[in-house]
Amino acid sequence: MISPRARKLAKQLKVDLGTLQGSGPHGRIVAQDVELAAGKTPTPSPAPARLGYHQPPFHNRQQQLLLQHR
């Protein structure tokens, strides 16, 4: 298995994915594997962006309904 980011990076860097052994979960080839094969210093993956959404607290009636359905 190959991550989409690794596949795109391999195409850009002209790295043969068939020669790589993945270091990701379950042997998945990740971008770091491709960068190492190309001789580049691996770049850290970007942190997921926070959306800034905050769940307001439930009102008592909403909370009662949720607890009844558990």
N, C-alpha and C. Protein backbone atom coordinates (compact mmCIF):
# COMPACT_ATOMS: atom_id res chain seq x y z
N MET A 1 0.84 -1.18 0.00
CA MET A 1 0.00 0.00 0.00
C MET A 1 0.89 1.24 0.00
N ILE A 2 0.39 2.26 -0.63
CA ILE A 2 1.15 3.50 -0.76
C ILE A 2 0.24 4.66 -0.43
N SER A 3 0.71 5.57 0.40
CA SER A 3 -0.11 6.74 0.72
C SER A 3 -0.18 7.64 -0.51
N PRO A 4 -1.28 8.38 -0.67
CA PRO A 4 -1.42 9.27 -1.83
C PRO A 4 -0.29 10.30 -1.90
N ARG A 5 0.11 10.81 -0.75
CA ARG A 5 1.19 11.81 -0.72
C ARG A 5 2.50 11.19 -1.19
N ALA A 6 2.77 9.95 -0.77
CA ALA A 6 3.99 9.26 -1.19
C ALA A 6 3.98 8.99 -2.69
N ARG A 7 2.82 8.60 -3.22
CA ARG A 7 2.72 8.32 -4.66
C ARG A 7 3.01 9.59 -5.47
N LYS A 8 2.45 10.71 -5.05
CA LYS A 8 2.66 11.98 -5.75
C LYS A 8 4.13 12.41 -5.66
N LEU A 9 4.71 12.25 -4.47
CA LEU A 9 6.10 12.63 -4.27
C LEU A 9 7.04 11.75 -5.08
N ALA A 10 6.74 10.46 -5.15
CA ALA A 10 7.57 9.54 -5.93
C ALA A 10 7.56 9.93 -7.41
N LYS A 11 6.41 10.34 -7.89
CA LYS A 11 6.31 10.76 -9.29
C LYS A 11 7.15 12.01 -9.53
N GLN A 12 7.09 12.96 -8.60
CA GLN A 12 7.84 14.20 -8.73
C GLN A 12 9.35 13.96 -8.66
N LEU A 13 9.76 13.06 -7.76
CA LEU A 13 11.19 12.81 -7.54
C LEU A 13 11.73 11.67 -8.40
N LYS A 14 10.85 11.06 -9.20
CA LYS A 14 11.21 9.95 -10.09
C LYS A 14 11.82 8.78 -9.30
N VAL A 15 11.10 8.36 -8.26
CA VAL A 15 11.51 7.23 -7.44
C VAL A 15 10.64 6.03 -7.79
N ASP A 16 11.27 4.88 -8.02
CA ASP A 16 10.56 3.66 -8.34
C ASP A 16 9.98 3.08 -7.04
N LEU A 17 8.67 3.09 -6.91
CA LEU A 17 8.02 2.61 -5.69
C LEU A 17 8.18 1.11 -5.50
N GLY A 18 8.44 0.37 -6.56
CA GLY A 18 8.62 -1.07 -6.46
C GLY A 18 9.87 -1.48 -5.71
N THR A 19 10.81 -0.56 -5.59
CA THR A 19 12.07 -0.88 -4.90
C THR A 19 12.03 -0.53 -3.42
N LEU A 20 10.95 0.11 -2.97
CA LEU A 20 10.88 0.57 -1.58
C LEU A 20 10.18 -0.42 -0.68
N GLN A 21 10.61 -0.41 0.57
CA GLN A 21 9.91 -1.16 1.61
C GLN A 21 9.33 -0.13 2.56
N GLY A 22 8.04 -0.19 2.80
CA GLY A 22 7.37 0.81 3.60
C GLY A 22 7.66 0.72 5.08
N SER A 23 7.69 1.87 5.72
CA SER A 23 7.91 1.93 7.16
C SER A 23 6.66 2.35 7.92
N GLY A 24 5.58 2.57 7.19
CA GLY A 24 4.34 2.99 7.81
C GLY A 24 3.57 1.80 8.38
N PRO A 25 2.36 2.06 8.87
CA PRO A 25 1.54 0.99 9.42
C PRO A 25 1.30 -0.12 8.39
N HIS A 26 1.49 -1.36 8.80
CA HIS A 26 1.29 -2.54 7.95
C HIS A 26 2.17 -2.51 6.70
N GLY A 27 3.36 -1.88 6.82
CA GLY A 27 4.29 -1.83 5.69
C GLY A 27 3.95 -0.82 4.62
N ARG A 28 3.09 0.11 4.94
CA ARG A 28 2.67 1.13 3.96
C ARG A 28 3.83 2.05 3.62
N ILE A 29 3.98 2.36 2.34
CA ILE A 29 5.00 3.31 1.90
C ILE A 29 4.47 4.71 2.14
N VAL A 30 5.23 5.48 2.90
CA VAL A 30 4.84 6.84 3.24
C VAL A 30 5.84 7.81 2.61
N ALA A 31 5.51 9.11 2.65
CA ALA A 31 6.34 10.13 2.02
C ALA A 31 7.77 10.10 2.54
N GLN A 32 7.96 9.81 3.80
CA GLN A 32 9.30 9.76 4.37
C GLN A 32 10.15 8.68 3.69
N ASP A 33 9.55 7.55 3.37
CA ASP A 33 10.27 6.48 2.67
C ASP A 33 10.74 6.95 1.29
N VAL A 34 9.88 7.67 0.60
CA VAL A 34 10.20 8.16 -0.74
C VAL A 34 11.33 9.20 -0.66
N GLU A 35 11.23 10.10 0.33
CA GLU A 35 12.26 11.13 0.47
C GLU A 35 13.62 10.51 0.81
N LEU A 36 13.62 9.50 1.66
CA LEU A 36 14.88 8.82 2.00
C LEU A 36 15.47 8.13 0.77
N ALA A 37 14.62 7.51 -0.05
CA ALA A 37 15.09 6.84 -1.26
C ALA A 37 15.66 7.83 -2.26
N ALA A 38 15.11 9.04 -2.27
CA ALA A 38 15.57 10.06 -3.21
C ALA A 38 16.80 10.81 -2.67
N GLY A 39 17.18 10.52 -1.41
CA GLY A 39 18.34 11.18 -0.84
C GLY A 39 18.02 12.53 -0.22
N LYS A 40 16.76 12.81 -0.03
CA LYS A 40 16.36 14.08 0.57
C LYS A 40 16.17 13.89 2.07
N THR A 41 16.29 14.97 2.81
CA THR A 41 15.99 14.93 4.24
C THR A 41 14.48 14.93 4.39
N PRO A 42 13.93 13.97 5.11
CA PRO A 42 12.47 13.91 5.26
C PRO A 42 11.91 15.16 5.93
N THR A 43 10.81 15.63 5.39
CA THR A 43 10.14 16.78 5.99
C THR A 43 9.03 16.28 6.90
N PRO A 44 8.83 16.91 8.04
CA PRO A 44 7.74 16.47 8.91
C PRO A 44 6.40 16.73 8.25
N SER A 45 5.46 15.82 8.48
CA SER A 45 4.14 16.00 7.89
C SER A 45 3.42 17.13 8.61
N PRO A 46 2.63 17.91 7.90
CA PRO A 46 1.95 19.04 8.52
C PRO A 46 0.91 18.55 9.53
N ALA A 47 0.78 19.33 10.59
CA ALA A 47 -0.23 19.01 11.61
C ALA A 47 -1.61 19.31 11.06
N PRO A 48 -2.61 18.53 11.43
CA PRO A 48 -3.96 18.81 10.94
C PRO A 48 -4.44 20.17 11.44
N ALA A 49 -5.12 20.86 10.57
CA ALA A 49 -5.62 22.19 10.92
C ALA A 49 -6.81 22.09 11.86
N ARG A 50 -6.85 22.99 12.81
CA ARG A 50 -7.99 23.03 13.72
C ARG A 50 -9.05 23.91 13.08
N LEU A 51 -10.26 23.48 13.18
CA LEU A 51 -11.34 24.21 12.52
C LEU A 51 -11.86 25.39 13.33
N GLY A 52 -11.55 25.43 14.61
CA GLY A 52 -12.00 26.53 15.42
C GLY A 52 -13.45 26.40 15.86
N TYR A 53 -14.04 25.24 15.64
CA TYR A 53 -15.43 25.04 16.04
C TYR A 53 -15.45 24.53 17.46
N HIS A 54 -16.34 25.10 18.25
CA HIS A 54 -16.48 24.69 19.63
C HIS A 54 -17.91 24.20 19.86
N GLN A 55 -18.04 22.98 20.38
CA GLN A 55 -19.37 22.43 20.68
C GLN A 55 -19.92 23.11 21.93
N PRO A 56 -21.03 23.83 21.81
CA PRO A 56 -21.60 24.46 22.98
C PRO A 56 -22.12 23.40 23.96
N PRO A 57 -22.17 23.72 25.24
CA PRO A 57 -22.66 22.74 26.21
C PRO A 57 -24.15 22.45 25.97
N PHE A 58 -24.52 21.23 26.30
CA PHE A 58 -25.92 20.85 26.14
C PHE A 58 -26.78 21.53 27.20
N HIS A 59 -27.99 21.82 26.82
CA HIS A 59 -28.97 22.28 27.80
C HIS A 59 -29.46 21.04 28.55
N ASN A 60 -30.04 21.23 29.69
CA ASN A 60 -30.46 20.11 30.53
C ASN A 60 -31.38 19.15 29.78
N ARG A 61 -32.32 19.67 29.02
CA ARG A 61 -33.27 18.80 28.33
C ARG A 61 -32.55 17.96 27.27
N GLN A 62 -31.62 18.56 26.54
CA GLN A 62 -30.87 17.81 25.53
C GLN A 62 -30.06 16.70 26.20
N GLN A 63 -29.46 17.02 27.31
CA GLN A 63 -28.66 16.03 28.01
C GLN A 63 -29.53 14.88 28.52
N GLN A 64 -30.71 15.20 29.01
CA GLN A 64 -31.63 14.16 29.49
C GLN A 64 -32.02 13.22 28.35
N LEU A 65 -32.30 13.78 27.18
CA LEU A 65 -32.67 12.96 26.03
C LEU A 65 -31.52 12.05 25.60
N LEU A 66 -30.31 12.59 25.61
CA LEU A 66 -29.18 11.78 25.22
C LEU A 66 -28.95 10.64 26.19
N LEU A 67 -29.09 10.91 27.46
CA LEU A 67 -28.87 9.87 28.47
C LEU A 67 -29.95 8.79 28.41
N GLN A 68 -31.17 9.15 28.02
CA GLN A 68 -32.25 8.17 27.92
C GLN A 68 -31.98 7.17 26.80
N HIS A 69 -31.28 7.60 25.76
CA HIS A 69 -31.08 6.75 24.57
C HIS A 69 -29.78 5.95 24.61
N ARG A 70 -29.10 5.93 25.72
CA ARG A 70 -27.86 5.16 25.83
C ARG A 70 -28.14 3.74 26.20
